[in-house]
């Protein structure tokens, strides 16, 4: 069933579910991005990995930058975690990154539990 409201985030979440169904949980965090980029490629989802994004403060670009786990479709920030549970600080992190990088959509995906956990964000 396709999510007509946002088929792009639906497709990314579907790829993450495939990774979680195949690997399950318990690996260290670096394993999941490697597997996810394979699934994104197989699904034809365009992405950039570990790309530096400028931080904009009051219209000025700061000299420091944020390194996104993934940017998909040149529009969706994807933050990946492998935690037993999300604390809420990760939500704030994604929202701050969206605001600072001037992107409108984000996904927080956590591979660390028995069930894949994900959250969609809009700025």
PDB file of N, CA and C in Angstrom:
ATOM      1  N   UNK A   1       0.849  -1.182   0.000  1.00  0.00           N
ATOM      2  CA  UNK A   1       0.000   0.000   0.000  1.00  0.00           C
ATOM      3  C   UNK A   1       0.889   1.236   0.000  1.00  0.00           C
ATOM      4  N   UNK A   2       0.720   2.083  -0.959  1.00  0.00           N
ATOM      5  CA  UNK A   2       1.550   3.273  -1.114  1.00  0.00           C
ATOM      6  C   UNK A   2       0.969   4.435  -0.339  1.00  0.00           C
ATOM      7  N   UNK A   3       1.805   5.116   0.418  1.00  0.00           N
ATOM      8  CA  UNK A   3       1.403   6.308   1.154  1.00  0.00           C
ATOM      9  C   UNK A   3       1.334   7.460   0.157  1.00  0.00           C
ATOM     10  N   UNK A   4       0.130   7.860  -0.218  1.00  0.00           N
ATOM     11  CA  UNK A   4      -0.057   8.897  -1.231  1.00  0.00           C
ATOM     12  C   UNK A   4       0.363  10.272  -0.735  1.00  0.00           C
ATOM     13  N   UNK A   5       0.452  10.452   0.566  1.00  0.00           N
ATOM     14  CA  UNK A   5       0.847  11.752   1.091  1.00  0.00           C
ATOM     15  C   UNK A   5       2.324  12.016   0.880  1.00  0.00           C
ATOM     16  N   UNK A   6       3.147  11.003   0.966  1.00  0.00           N
ATOM     17  CA  UNK A   6       4.581  11.187   0.789  1.00  0.00           C
ATOM     18  C   UNK A   6       5.236   9.885   0.329  1.00  0.00           C
ATOM     19  N   UNK A   7       5.128   9.584  -0.953  1.00  0.00           N
ATOM     20  CA  UNK A   7       5.692   8.318  -1.455  1.00  0.00           C
ATOM     21  C   UNK A   7       7.211   8.240  -1.320  1.00  0.00           C
ATOM     22  N   UNK A   8       7.901   9.352  -1.255  1.00  0.00           N
ATOM     23  CA  UNK A   8       9.359   9.309  -1.132  1.00  0.00           C
ATOM     24  C   UNK A   8       9.779   8.795   0.246  1.00  0.00           C
ATOM     25  N   UNK A   9       9.190   9.337   1.329  1.00  0.00           N
ATOM     26  CA  UNK A   9       9.555   8.827   2.655  1.00  0.00           C
ATOM     27  C   UNK A   9       9.059   7.396   2.828  1.00  0.00           C
ATOM     28  N   UNK A  10       7.943   7.069   2.234  1.00  0.00           N
ATOM     29  CA  UNK A  10       7.437   5.696   2.288  1.00  0.00           C
ATOM     30  C   UNK A  10       8.451   4.732   1.666  1.00  0.00           C
ATOM     31  N   UNK A  11       9.036   5.126   0.536  1.00  0.00           N
ATOM     32  CA  UNK A  11      10.015   4.278  -0.145  1.00  0.00           C
ATOM     33  C   UNK A  11      11.288   4.113   0.695  1.00  0.00           C
ATOM     34  N   UNK A  12      11.738   5.172   1.329  1.00  0.00           N
ATOM     35  CA  UNK A  12      12.930   5.094   2.175  1.00  0.00           C
ATOM     36  C   UNK A  12      12.671   4.179   3.369  1.00  0.00           C
ATOM     37  N   UNK A  13      11.514   4.348   3.995  1.00  0.00           N
ATOM     38  CA  UNK A  13      11.151   3.499   5.142  1.00  0.00           C
ATOM     39  C   UNK A  13      11.044   2.041   4.709  1.00  0.00           C
ATOM     40  N   UNK A  14      10.504   1.795   3.531  1.00  0.00           N
ATOM     41  CA  UNK A  14      10.421   0.426   3.016  1.00  0.00           C
ATOM     42  C   UNK A  14      11.796  -0.201   2.862  1.00  0.00           C
ATOM     43  N   UNK A  15      12.756   0.562   2.366  1.00  0.00           N
ATOM     44  CA  UNK A  15      14.123   0.058   2.234  1.00  0.00           C
ATOM     45  C   UNK A  15      14.715  -0.230   3.609  1.00  0.00           C
ATOM     46  N   UNK A  16      14.459   0.657   4.581  1.00  0.00           N
ATOM     47  CA  UNK A  16      14.954   0.445   5.946  1.00  0.00           C
ATOM     48  C   UNK A  16      14.319  -0.789   6.571  1.00  0.00           C
ATOM     49  N   UNK A  17      13.040  -1.028   6.295  1.00  0.00           N
ATOM     50  CA  UNK A  17      12.376  -2.233   6.813  1.00  0.00           C
ATOM     51  C   UNK A  17      13.012  -3.491   6.246  1.00  0.00           C
ATOM     52  N   UNK A  18      13.367  -3.455   4.983  1.00  0.00           N
ATOM     53  CA  UNK A  18      14.033  -4.612   4.369  1.00  0.00           C
ATOM     54  C   UNK A  18      15.370  -4.890   5.058  1.00  0.00           C
ATOM     55  N   UNK A  19      16.116  -3.835   5.343  1.00  0.00           N
ATOM     56  CA  UNK A  19      17.395  -3.998   6.052  1.00  0.00           C
ATOM     57  C   UNK A  19      17.146  -4.593   7.437  1.00  0.00           C
ATOM     58  N   UNK A  20      16.190  -4.045   8.157  1.00  0.00           N
ATOM     59  CA  UNK A  20      15.922  -4.527   9.521  1.00  0.00           C
ATOM     60  C   UNK A  20      15.405  -5.966   9.494  1.00  0.00           C
ATOM     61  N   UNK A  21      14.554  -6.287   8.546  1.00  0.00           N
ATOM     62  CA  UNK A  21      14.051  -7.662   8.441  1.00  0.00           C
ATOM     63  C   UNK A  21      15.168  -8.656   8.136  1.00  0.00           C
ATOM     64  N   UNK A  22      16.153  -8.222   7.382  1.00  0.00           N
ATOM     65  CA  UNK A  22      17.254  -9.102   7.000  1.00  0.00           C
ATOM     66  C   UNK A  22      18.319  -9.206   8.094  1.00  0.00           C
ATOM     67  N   UNK A  23      18.735  -8.065   8.647  1.00  0.00           N
ATOM     68  CA  UNK A  23      19.813  -8.064   9.643  1.00  0.00           C
ATOM     69  C   UNK A  23      19.321  -8.162  11.078  1.00  0.00           C
ATOM     70  N   UNK A  24      18.092  -7.750  11.324  1.00  0.00           N
ATOM     71  CA  UNK A  24      17.530  -7.642  12.666  1.00  0.00           C
ATOM     72  C   UNK A  24      18.267  -6.540  13.424  1.00  0.00           C
ATOM     73  N   UNK A  25      18.336  -6.659  14.724  1.00  0.00           N
ATOM     74  CA  UNK A  25      19.007  -5.629  15.525  1.00  0.00           C
ATOM     75  C   UNK A  25      20.195  -6.245  16.241  1.00  0.00           C
ATOM     76  N   UNK A  26      21.057  -5.392  16.801  1.00  0.00           N
ATOM     77  CA  UNK A  26      22.207  -5.875  17.550  1.00  0.00           C
ATOM     78  C   UNK A  26      23.544  -5.538  16.934  1.00  0.00           C
ATOM     79  N   UNK A  27      23.553  -5.097  15.684  1.00  0.00           N
ATOM     80  CA  UNK A  27      24.807  -4.670  15.074  1.00  0.00           C
ATOM     81  C   UNK A  27      25.143  -3.261  15.533  1.00  0.00           C
ATOM     82  N   UNK A  28      26.404  -2.904  15.416  1.00  0.00           N
ATOM     83  CA  UNK A  28      26.807  -1.529  15.677  1.00  0.00           C
ATOM     84  C   UNK A  28      26.260  -0.634  14.556  1.00  0.00           C
ATOM     85  N   UNK A  29      26.114   0.628  14.873  1.00  0.00           N
ATOM     86  CA  UNK A  29      25.474   1.571  13.955  1.00  0.00           C
ATOM     87  C   UNK A  29      26.056   1.603  12.538  1.00  0.00           C
ATOM     88  N   UNK A  30      27.372   1.507  12.329  1.00  0.00           N
ATOM     89  CA  UNK A  30      27.907   1.602  10.959  1.00  0.00           C
ATOM     90  C   UNK A  30      27.422   0.516   9.996  1.00  0.00           C
ATOM     91  N   UNK A  31      26.950  -0.605  10.490  1.00  0.00           N
ATOM     92  CA  UNK A  31      26.487  -1.691   9.620  1.00  0.00           C
ATOM     93  C   UNK A  31      25.218  -1.285   8.858  1.00  0.00           C
ATOM     94  N   UNK A  32      24.313  -0.615   9.524  1.00  0.00           N
ATOM     95  CA  UNK A  32      23.008  -0.320   8.932  1.00  0.00           C
ATOM     96  C   UNK A  32      23.061   0.653   7.754  1.00  0.00           C
ATOM     97  N   UNK A  33      23.843   1.725   7.816  1.00  0.00           N
ATOM     98  CA  UNK A  33      23.934   2.582   6.627  1.00  0.00           C
ATOM     99  C   UNK A  33      24.491   1.847   5.415  1.00  0.00           C
ATOM    100  N   UNK A  34      25.467   0.966   5.649  1.00  0.00           N
ATOM    101  CA  UNK A  34      26.034   0.209   4.532  1.00  0.00           C
ATOM    102  C   UNK A  34      24.966  -0.642   3.849  1.00  0.00           C
ATOM    103  N   UNK A  35      24.172  -1.330   4.652  1.00  0.00           N
ATOM    104  CA  UNK A  35      23.101  -2.159   4.086  1.00  0.00           C
ATOM    105  C   UNK A  35      22.006  -1.292   3.467  1.00  0.00           C
ATOM    106  N   UNK A  36      21.698  -0.180   4.114  1.00  0.00           N
ATOM    107  CA  UNK A  36      20.631   0.684   3.599  1.00  0.00           C
ATOM    108  C   UNK A  36      21.000   1.286   2.251  1.00  0.00           C
ATOM    109  N   UNK A  37      22.255   1.669   2.049  1.00  0.00           N
ATOM    110  CA  UNK A  37      22.597   2.231   0.741  1.00  0.00           C
ATOM    111  C   UNK A  37      22.468   1.185  -0.372  1.00  0.00           C
ATOM    112  N   UNK A  38      22.703  -0.077  -0.045  1.00  0.00           N
ATOM    113  CA  UNK A  38      22.462  -1.130  -1.037  1.00  0.00           C
ATOM    114  C   UNK A  38      20.981  -1.215  -1.391  1.00  0.00           C
ATOM    115  N   UNK A  39      20.125  -1.160  -0.373  1.00  0.00           N
ATOM    116  CA  UNK A  39      18.671  -1.225  -0.611  1.00  0.00           C
ATOM    117  C   UNK A  39      18.170   0.008  -1.354  1.00  0.00           C
ATOM    118  N   UNK A  40      18.676   1.179  -0.997  1.00  0.00           N
ATOM    119  CA  UNK A  40      18.263   2.400  -1.702  1.00  0.00           C
ATOM    120  C   UNK A  40      18.659   2.320  -3.164  1.00  0.00           C
ATOM    121  N   UNK A  41      19.868   1.830  -3.429  1.00  0.00           N
ATOM    122  CA  UNK A  41      20.329   1.677  -4.818  1.00  0.00           C
ATOM    123  C   UNK A  41      19.440   0.707  -5.583  1.00  0.00           C
ATOM    124  N   UNK A  42      19.140  -0.433  -4.962  1.00  0.00           N
ATOM    125  CA  UNK A  42      18.281  -1.432  -5.618  1.00  0.00           C
ATOM    126  C   UNK A  42      16.891  -0.895  -5.905  1.00  0.00           C
ATOM    127  N   UNK A  43      16.417  -0.006  -5.033  1.00  0.00           N
ATOM    128  CA  UNK A  43      15.073   0.565  -5.206  1.00  0.00           C
ATOM    129  C   UNK A  43      15.077   1.782  -6.134  1.00  0.00           C
ATOM    130  N   UNK A  44      16.250   2.196  -6.583  1.00  0.00           N
ATOM    131  CA  UNK A  44      16.335   3.356  -7.471  1.00  0.00           C
ATOM    132  C   UNK A  44      16.102   4.678  -6.758  1.00  0.00           C
ATOM    133  N   UNK A  45      16.350   4.707  -5.468  1.00  0.00           N
ATOM    134  CA  UNK A  45      16.155   5.928  -4.681  1.00  0.00           C
ATOM    135  C   UNK A  45      17.458   6.722  -4.697  1.00  0.00           C
ATOM    136  N   UNK A  46      17.420   7.945  -5.228  1.00  0.00           N
ATOM    137  CA  UNK A  46      18.647   8.744  -5.263  1.00  0.00           C
ATOM    138  C   UNK A  46      19.039   9.201  -3.859  1.00  0.00           C
ATOM    139  N   UNK A  47      20.342   9.143  -3.568  1.00  0.00           N
ATOM    140  CA  UNK A  47      20.808   9.549  -2.242  1.00  0.00           C
ATOM    141  C   UNK A  47      22.229  10.055  -2.328  1.00  0.00           C
ATOM    142  N   UNK A  48      22.578  10.841  -1.318  1.00  0.00           N
ATOM    143  CA  UNK A  48      23.958  11.257  -1.082  1.00  0.00           C
ATOM    144  C   UNK A  48      24.273  10.840   0.345  1.00  0.00           C
ATOM    145  N   UNK A  49      25.463  10.314   0.545  1.00  0.00           N
ATOM    146  CA  UNK A  49      25.852   9.795   1.855  1.00  0.00           C
ATOM    147  C   UNK A  49      26.914  10.687   2.490  1.00  0.00           C
ATOM    148  N   UNK A  50      26.790  10.883   3.811  1.00  0.00           N
ATOM    149  CA  UNK A  50      27.784  11.636   4.575  1.00  0.00           C
ATOM    150  C   UNK A  50      28.115  12.972   3.918  1.00  0.00           C
ATOM    151  N   UNK A  51      27.091  13.646   3.417  1.00  0.00           N
ATOM    152  CA  UNK A  51      27.352  14.907   2.743  1.00  0.00           C
ATOM    153  C   UNK A  51      27.328  16.067   3.738  1.00  0.00           C
ATOM    154  N   UNK A  52      28.242  16.989   3.529  1.00  0.00           N
ATOM    155  CA  UNK A  52      28.324  18.164   4.387  1.00  0.00           C
ATOM    156  C   UNK A  52      27.236  19.149   3.981  1.00  0.00           C
ATOM    157  N   UNK A  53      26.483  19.589   4.947  1.00  0.00           N
ATOM    158  CA  UNK A  53      25.436  20.574   4.698  1.00  0.00           C
ATOM    159  C   UNK A  53      25.773  21.848   5.454  1.00  0.00           C
ATOM    160  N   UNK A  54      25.586  22.984   4.823  1.00  0.00           N
ATOM    161  CA  UNK A  54      25.878  24.233   5.518  1.00  0.00           C
ATOM    162  C   UNK A  54      24.865  24.484   6.631  1.00  0.00           C
ATOM    163  N   UNK A  55      25.330  25.146   7.669  1.00  0.00           N
ATOM    164  CA  UNK A  55      24.454  25.592   8.743  1.00  0.00           C
ATOM    165  C   UNK A  55      24.241  27.077   8.520  1.00  0.00           C
ATOM    166  N   UNK A  56      22.985  27.466   8.430  1.00  0.00           N
ATOM    167  CA  UNK A  56      22.650  28.856   8.150  1.00  0.00           C
ATOM    168  C   UNK A  56      22.091  29.488   9.415  1.00  0.00           C
ATOM    169  N   UNK A  57      22.703  30.592   9.808  1.00  0.00           N
ATOM    170  CA  UNK A  57      22.293  31.308  11.001  1.00  0.00           C
ATOM    171  C   UNK A  57      21.960  32.739  10.605  1.00  0.00           C
ATOM    172  N   UNK A  58      20.677  33.095  10.744  1.00  0.00           N
ATOM    173  CA  UNK A  58      20.204  34.444  10.399  1.00  0.00           C
ATOM    174  C   UNK A  58      20.657  34.847   9.001  1.00  0.00           C
ATOM    175  N   UNK A  59      20.529  33.920   8.074  1.00  0.00           N
ATOM    176  CA  UNK A  59      20.856  34.193   6.686  1.00  0.00           C
ATOM    177  C   UNK A  59      22.333  34.086   6.334  1.00  0.00           C
ATOM    178  N   UNK A  60      23.176  33.808   7.302  1.00  0.00           N
ATOM    179  CA  UNK A  60      24.618  33.693   7.064  1.00  0.00           C
ATOM    180  C   UNK A  60      25.043  32.235   7.167  1.00  0.00           C
ATOM    181  N   UNK A  61      25.903  31.802   6.271  1.00  0.00           N
ATOM    182  CA  UNK A  61      26.430  30.445   6.308  1.00  0.00           C
ATOM    183  C   UNK A  61      27.591  30.403   7.298  1.00  0.00           C
ATOM    184  N   UNK A  62      27.502  29.515   8.288  1.00  0.00           N
ATOM    185  CA  UNK A  62      28.569  29.360   9.272  1.00  0.00           C
ATOM    186  C   UNK A  62      29.725  28.561   8.680  1.00  0.00           C
ATOM    187  N   UNK A  63      30.900  28.709   9.264  1.00  0.00           N
ATOM    188  CA  UNK A  63      32.067  27.979   8.757  1.00  0.00           C
ATOM    189  C   UNK A  63      32.001  26.496   9.114  1.00  0.00           C
ATOM    190  N   UNK A  64      31.297  26.159  10.204  1.00  0.00           N
ATOM    191  CA  UNK A  64      31.108  24.741  10.531  1.00  0.00           C
ATOM    192  C   UNK A  64      29.954  24.192   9.699  1.00  0.00           C
ATOM    193  N   UNK A  65      29.864  22.885   9.630  1.00  0.00           N
ATOM    194  CA  UNK A  65      28.784  22.277   8.859  1.00  0.00           C
ATOM    195  C   UNK A  65      28.295  21.018   9.570  1.00  0.00           C
ATOM    196  N   UNK A  66      27.167  20.543   9.117  1.00  0.00           N
ATOM    197  CA  UNK A  66      26.583  19.309   9.621  1.00  0.00           C
ATOM    198  C   UNK A  66      26.810  18.235   8.571  1.00  0.00           C
ATOM    199  N   UNK A  67      27.171  17.044   8.987  1.00  0.00           N
ATOM    200  CA  UNK A  67      27.364  15.928   8.063  1.00  0.00           C
ATOM    201  C   UNK A  67      26.163  14.997   8.193  1.00  0.00           C
ATOM    202  N   UNK A  68      25.305  15.017   7.189  1.00  0.00           N
ATOM    203  CA  UNK A  68      24.086  14.211   7.186  1.00  0.00           C
ATOM    204  C   UNK A  68      24.417  12.752   6.913  1.00  0.00           C
ATOM    205  N   UNK A  69      23.736  11.836   7.614  1.00  0.00           N
ATOM    206  CA  UNK A  69      23.899  10.415   7.301  1.00  0.00           C
ATOM    207  C   UNK A  69      23.536  10.181   5.841  1.00  0.00           C
ATOM    208  N   UNK A  70      22.347  10.636   5.462  1.00  0.00           N
ATOM    209  CA  UNK A  70      21.884  10.520   4.077  1.00  0.00           C
ATOM    210  C   UNK A  70      20.994  11.704   3.734  1.00  0.00           C
ATOM    211  N   UNK A  71      21.048  12.101   2.486  1.00  0.00           N
ATOM    212  CA  UNK A  71      20.055  13.001   1.913  1.00  0.00           C
ATOM    213  C   UNK A  71      19.477  12.235   0.733  1.00  0.00           C
ATOM    214  N   UNK A  72      18.184  11.985   0.756  1.00  0.00           N
ATOM    215  CA  UNK A  72      17.531  11.248  -0.322  1.00  0.00           C
ATOM    216  C   UNK A  72      16.663  12.195  -1.140  1.00  0.00           C
ATOM    217  N   UNK A  73      16.600  11.939  -2.425  1.00  0.00           N
ATOM    218  CA  UNK A  73      15.814  12.740  -3.352  1.00  0.00           C
ATOM    219  C   UNK A  73      16.212  14.218  -3.310  1.00  0.00           C
ATOM    220  N   UNK A  74      17.421  14.520  -2.862  1.00  0.00           N
ATOM    221  CA  UNK A  74      17.913  15.895  -2.706  1.00  0.00           C
ATOM    222  C   UNK A  74      16.992  16.756  -1.844  1.00  0.00           C
ATOM    223  N   UNK A  75      16.179  16.106  -0.997  1.00  0.00           N
ATOM    224  CA  UNK A  75      15.205  16.879  -0.230  1.00  0.00           C
ATOM    225  C   UNK A  75      14.917  16.337   1.166  1.00  0.00           C
ATOM    226  N   UNK A  76      15.295  15.089   1.440  1.00  0.00           N
ATOM    227  CA  UNK A  76      14.903  14.453   2.699  1.00  0.00           C
ATOM    228  C   UNK A  76      16.157  14.090   3.489  1.00  0.00           C
ATOM    229  N   UNK A  77      16.299  14.696   4.661  1.00  0.00           N
ATOM    230  CA  UNK A  77      17.389  14.379   5.567  1.00  0.00           C
ATOM    231  C   UNK A  77      17.053  13.071   6.272  1.00  0.00           C
ATOM    232  N   UNK A  78      17.977  12.124   6.274  1.00  0.00           N
ATOM    233  CA  UNK A  78      17.754  10.834   6.925  1.00  0.00           C
ATOM    234  C   UNK A  78      18.842  10.646   7.985  1.00  0.00           C
ATOM    235  N   UNK A  79      18.414  10.596   9.238  1.00  0.00           N
ATOM    236  CA  UNK A  79      19.316  10.386  10.367  1.00  0.00           C
ATOM    237  C   UNK A  79      19.143   8.951  10.842  1.00  0.00           C
ATOM    238  N   UNK A  80      20.238   8.196  10.911  1.00  0.00           N
ATOM    239  CA  UNK A  80      20.192   6.778  11.265  1.00  0.00           C
ATOM    240  C   UNK A  80      20.768   6.556  12.654  1.00  0.00           C
ATOM    241  N   UNK A  81      20.112   5.696  13.414  1.00  0.00           N
ATOM    242  CA  UNK A  81      20.548   5.348  14.766  1.00  0.00           C
ATOM    243  C   UNK A  81      20.468   3.834  14.942  1.00  0.00           C
ATOM    244  N   UNK A  82      21.184   3.332  15.947  1.00  0.00           N
ATOM    245  CA  UNK A  82      21.087   1.927  16.359  1.00  0.00           C
ATOM    246  C   UNK A  82      21.074   1.914  17.887  1.00  0.00           C
ATOM    247  N   UNK A  83      20.025   2.493  18.448  1.00  0.00           N
ATOM    248  CA  UNK A  83      19.877   2.624  19.892  1.00  0.00           C
ATOM    249  C   UNK A  83      18.796   1.684  20.401  1.00  0.00           C
ATOM    250  N   UNK A  84      18.910   1.256  21.658  1.00  0.00           N
ATOM    251  CA  UNK A  84      17.864   0.407  22.230  1.00  0.00           C
ATOM    252  C   UNK A  84      16.524   1.123  22.235  1.00  0.00           C
ATOM    253  N   UNK A  85      16.574   2.424  22.505  1.00  0.00           N
ATOM    254  CA  UNK A  85      15.352   3.231  22.448  1.00  0.00           C
ATOM    255  C   UNK A  85      15.736   4.673  22.197  1.00  0.00           C
ATOM    256  N   UNK A  86      14.857   5.376  21.526  1.00  0.00           N
ATOM    257  CA  UNK A  86      15.071   6.795  21.283  1.00  0.00           C
ATOM    258  C   UNK A  86      14.662   7.576  22.527  1.00  0.00           C
ATOM    259  N   UNK A  87      15.400   8.633  22.825  1.00  0.00           N
ATOM    260  CA  UNK A  87      15.170   9.372  24.059  1.00  0.00           C
ATOM    261  C   UNK A  87      14.353  10.646  23.875  1.00  0.00           C
ATOM    262  N   UNK A  88      14.195  11.097  22.682  1.00  0.00           N
ATOM    263  CA  UNK A  88      13.566  12.386  22.440  1.00  0.00           C
ATOM    264  C   UNK A  88      14.601  13.414  22.022  1.00  0.00           C
ATOM    265  N   UNK A  89      15.828  13.243  22.495  1.00  0.00           N
ATOM    266  CA  UNK A  89      16.907  14.142  22.078  1.00  0.00           C
ATOM    267  C   UNK A  89      17.166  13.990  20.579  1.00  0.00           C
ATOM    268  N   UNK A  90      16.954  12.791  20.061  1.00  0.00           N
ATOM    269  CA  UNK A  90      17.163  12.546  18.631  1.00  0.00           C
ATOM    270  C   UNK A  90      16.135  13.302  17.793  1.00  0.00           C
ATOM    271  N   UNK A  91      14.905  13.423  18.302  1.00  0.00           N
ATOM    272  CA  UNK A  91      13.882  14.220  17.607  1.00  0.00           C
ATOM    273  C   UNK A  91      14.353  15.664  17.474  1.00  0.00           C
ATOM    274  N   UNK A  92      14.812  16.222  18.589  1.00  0.00           N
ATOM    275  CA  UNK A  92      15.290  17.604  18.589  1.00  0.00           C
ATOM    276  C   UNK A  92      16.469  17.763  17.633  1.00  0.00           C
ATOM    277  N   UNK A  93      17.345  16.761  17.604  1.00  0.00           N
ATOM    278  CA  UNK A  93      18.500  16.793  16.705  1.00  0.00           C
ATOM    279  C   UNK A  93      18.043  16.909  15.255  1.00  0.00           C
ATOM    280  N   UNK A  94      17.097  16.061  14.846  1.00  0.00           N
ATOM    281  CA  UNK A  94      16.615  16.088  13.456  1.00  0.00           C
ATOM    282  C   UNK A  94      15.946  17.426  13.151  1.00  0.00           C
ATOM    283  N   UNK A  95      15.110  17.905  14.050  1.00  0.00           N
ATOM    284  CA  UNK A  95      14.432  19.185  13.827  1.00  0.00           C
ATOM    285  C   UNK A  95      15.438  20.334  13.716  1.00  0.00           C
ATOM    286  N   UNK A  96      16.462  20.333  14.559  1.00  0.00           N
ATOM    287  CA  UNK A  96      17.492  21.370  14.478  1.00  0.00           C
ATOM    288  C   UNK A  96      18.245  21.286  13.162  1.00  0.00           C
ATOM    289  N   UNK A  97      18.586  20.078  12.737  1.00  0.00           N
ATOM    290  CA  UNK A  97      19.290  19.915  11.463  1.00  0.00           C
ATOM    291  C   UNK A  97      18.434  20.416  10.300  1.00  0.00           C
ATOM    292  N   UNK A  98      17.151  20.085  10.314  1.00  0.00           N
ATOM    293  CA  UNK A  98      16.261  20.545   9.245  1.00  0.00           C
ATOM    294  C   UNK A  98      16.223  22.064   9.194  1.00  0.00           C
ATOM    295  N   UNK A  99      16.051  22.667  10.339  1.00  0.00           N
ATOM    296  CA  UNK A  99      15.969  24.128  10.415  1.00  0.00           C
ATOM    297  C   UNK A  99      17.287  24.763   9.971  1.00  0.00           C
ATOM    298  N   UNK A 100      18.391  24.263  10.480  1.00  0.00           N
ATOM    299  CA  UNK A 100      19.693  24.855  10.176  1.00  0.00           C
ATOM    300  C   UNK A 100      20.088  24.670   8.717  1.00  0.00           C
ATOM    301  N   UNK A 101      19.716  23.533   8.132  1.00  0.00           N
ATOM    302  CA  UNK A 101      20.103  23.230   6.750  1.00  0.00           C
ATOM    303  C   UNK A 101      19.053  23.662   5.741  1.00  0.00           C
ATOM    304  N   UNK A 102      17.927  24.172   6.250  1.00  0.00           N
ATOM    305  CA  UNK A 102      16.829  24.658   5.409  1.00  0.00           C
ATOM    306  C   UNK A 102      16.245  23.573   4.511  1.00  0.00           C
ATOM    307  N   UNK A 103      16.116  22.367   5.066  1.00  0.00           N
ATOM    308  CA  UNK A 103      15.382  21.293   4.390  1.00  0.00           C
ATOM    309  C   UNK A 103      14.011  21.181   5.047  1.00  0.00           C
ATOM    310  N   UNK A 104      13.033  20.669   4.306  1.00  0.00           N
ATOM    311  CA  UNK A 104      11.660  20.619   4.816  1.00  0.00           C
ATOM    312  C   UNK A 104      11.243  19.281   5.399  1.00  0.00           C
ATOM    313  N   UNK A 105      11.873  18.189   4.956  1.00  0.00           N
ATOM    314  CA  UNK A 105      11.451  16.865   5.415  1.00  0.00           C
ATOM    315  C   UNK A 105      12.624  16.095   5.981  1.00  0.00           C
ATOM    316  N   UNK A 106      12.316  15.289   7.002  1.00  0.00           N
ATOM    317  CA  UNK A 106      13.344  14.468   7.603  1.00  0.00           C
ATOM    318  C   UNK A 106      12.794  13.146   8.093  1.00  0.00           C
ATOM    319  N   UNK A 107      13.671  12.176   8.207  1.00  0.00           N
ATOM    320  CA  UNK A 107      13.339  10.873   8.771  1.00  0.00           C
ATOM    321  C   UNK A 107      14.375  10.525   9.826  1.00  0.00           C
ATOM    322  N   UNK A 108      13.904  10.007  10.932  1.00  0.00           N
ATOM    323  CA  UNK A 108      14.763   9.430  11.960  1.00  0.00           C
ATOM    324  C   UNK A 108      14.465   7.947  11.952  1.00  0.00           C
ATOM    325  N   UNK A 109      15.470   7.142  11.680  1.00  0.00           N
ATOM    326  CA  UNK A 109      15.295   5.689  11.587  1.00  0.00           C
ATOM    327  C   UNK A 109      16.206   5.031  12.609  1.00  0.00           C
ATOM    328  N   UNK A 110      15.606   4.218  13.467  1.00  0.00           N
ATOM    329  CA  UNK A 110      16.359   3.529  14.512  1.00  0.00           C
ATOM    330  C   UNK A 110      16.303   2.022  14.283  1.00  0.00           C
ATOM    331  N   UNK A 111      17.468   1.429  14.054  1.00  0.00           N
ATOM    332  CA  UNK A 111      17.589  -0.004  13.821  1.00  0.00           C
ATOM    333  C   UNK A 111      17.866  -0.786  15.104  1.00  0.00           C
ATOM    334  N   UNK A 112      17.937  -0.117  16.262  1.00  0.00           N
ATOM    335  CA  UNK A 112      18.430  -0.738  17.476  1.00  0.00           C
ATOM    336  C   UNK A 112      17.464  -1.602  18.261  1.00  0.00           C
ATOM    337  N   UNK A 113      16.198  -1.610  17.903  1.00  0.00           N
ATOM    338  CA  UNK A 113      15.224  -2.397  18.645  1.00  0.00           C
ATOM    339  C   UNK A 113      14.742  -3.608  17.874  1.00  0.00           C
ATOM    340  N   UNK A 114      13.937  -4.422  18.543  1.00  0.00           N
ATOM    341  CA  UNK A 114      13.387  -5.622  17.910  1.00  0.00           C
ATOM    342  C   UNK A 114      12.510  -5.262  16.712  1.00  0.00           C
ATOM    343  N   UNK A 115      11.915  -4.090  16.754  1.00  0.00           N
ATOM    344  CA  UNK A 115      11.086  -3.592  15.656  1.00  0.00           C
ATOM    345  C   UNK A 115      11.711  -2.295  15.143  1.00  0.00           C
ATOM    346  N   UNK A 116      11.754  -2.118  13.827  1.00  0.00           N
ATOM    347  CA  UNK A 116      12.272  -0.879  13.259  1.00  0.00           C
ATOM    348  C   UNK A 116      11.438   0.285  13.768  1.00  0.00           C
ATOM    349  N   UNK A 117      12.106   1.327  14.193  1.00  0.00           N
ATOM    350  CA  UNK A 117      11.423   2.525  14.670  1.00  0.00           C
ATOM    351  C   UNK A 117      11.759   3.666  13.711  1.00  0.00           C
ATOM    352  N   UNK A 118      10.749   4.417  13.303  1.00  0.00           N
ATOM    353  CA  UNK A 118      10.994   5.555  12.424  1.00  0.00           C
ATOM    354  C   UNK A 118      10.011   6.666  12.747  1.00  0.00           C
ATOM    355  N   UNK A 119      10.453   7.880  12.456  1.00  0.00           N
ATOM    356  CA  UNK A 119       9.619   9.064  12.650  1.00  0.00           C
ATOM    357  C   UNK A 119       9.821   9.986  11.461  1.00  0.00           C
ATOM    358  N   UNK A 120       8.726  10.544  10.989  1.00  0.00           N
ATOM    359  CA  UNK A 120       8.772  11.536   9.918  1.00  0.00           C
ATOM    360  C   UNK A 120       8.722  12.928  10.561  1.00  0.00           C
ATOM    361  N   UNK A 121       9.453  13.852   9.950  1.00  0.00           N
ATOM    362  CA  UNK A 121       9.466  15.229  10.431  1.00  0.00           C
ATOM    363  C   UNK A 121       9.237  16.171   9.268  1.00  0.00           C
ATOM    364  N   UNK A 122       8.540  17.254   9.554  1.00  0.00           N
ATOM    365  CA  UNK A 122       8.358  18.359   8.597  1.00  0.00           C
ATOM    366  C   UNK A 122       8.719  19.638   9.329  1.00  0.00           C
ATOM    367  N   UNK A 123       9.409  20.485   8.617  1.00  0.00           N
ATOM    368  CA  UNK A 123       9.788  21.777   9.198  1.00  0.00           C
ATOM    369  C   UNK A 123       8.722  22.785   8.876  1.00  0.00           C
TER     370      UNK A 123
END
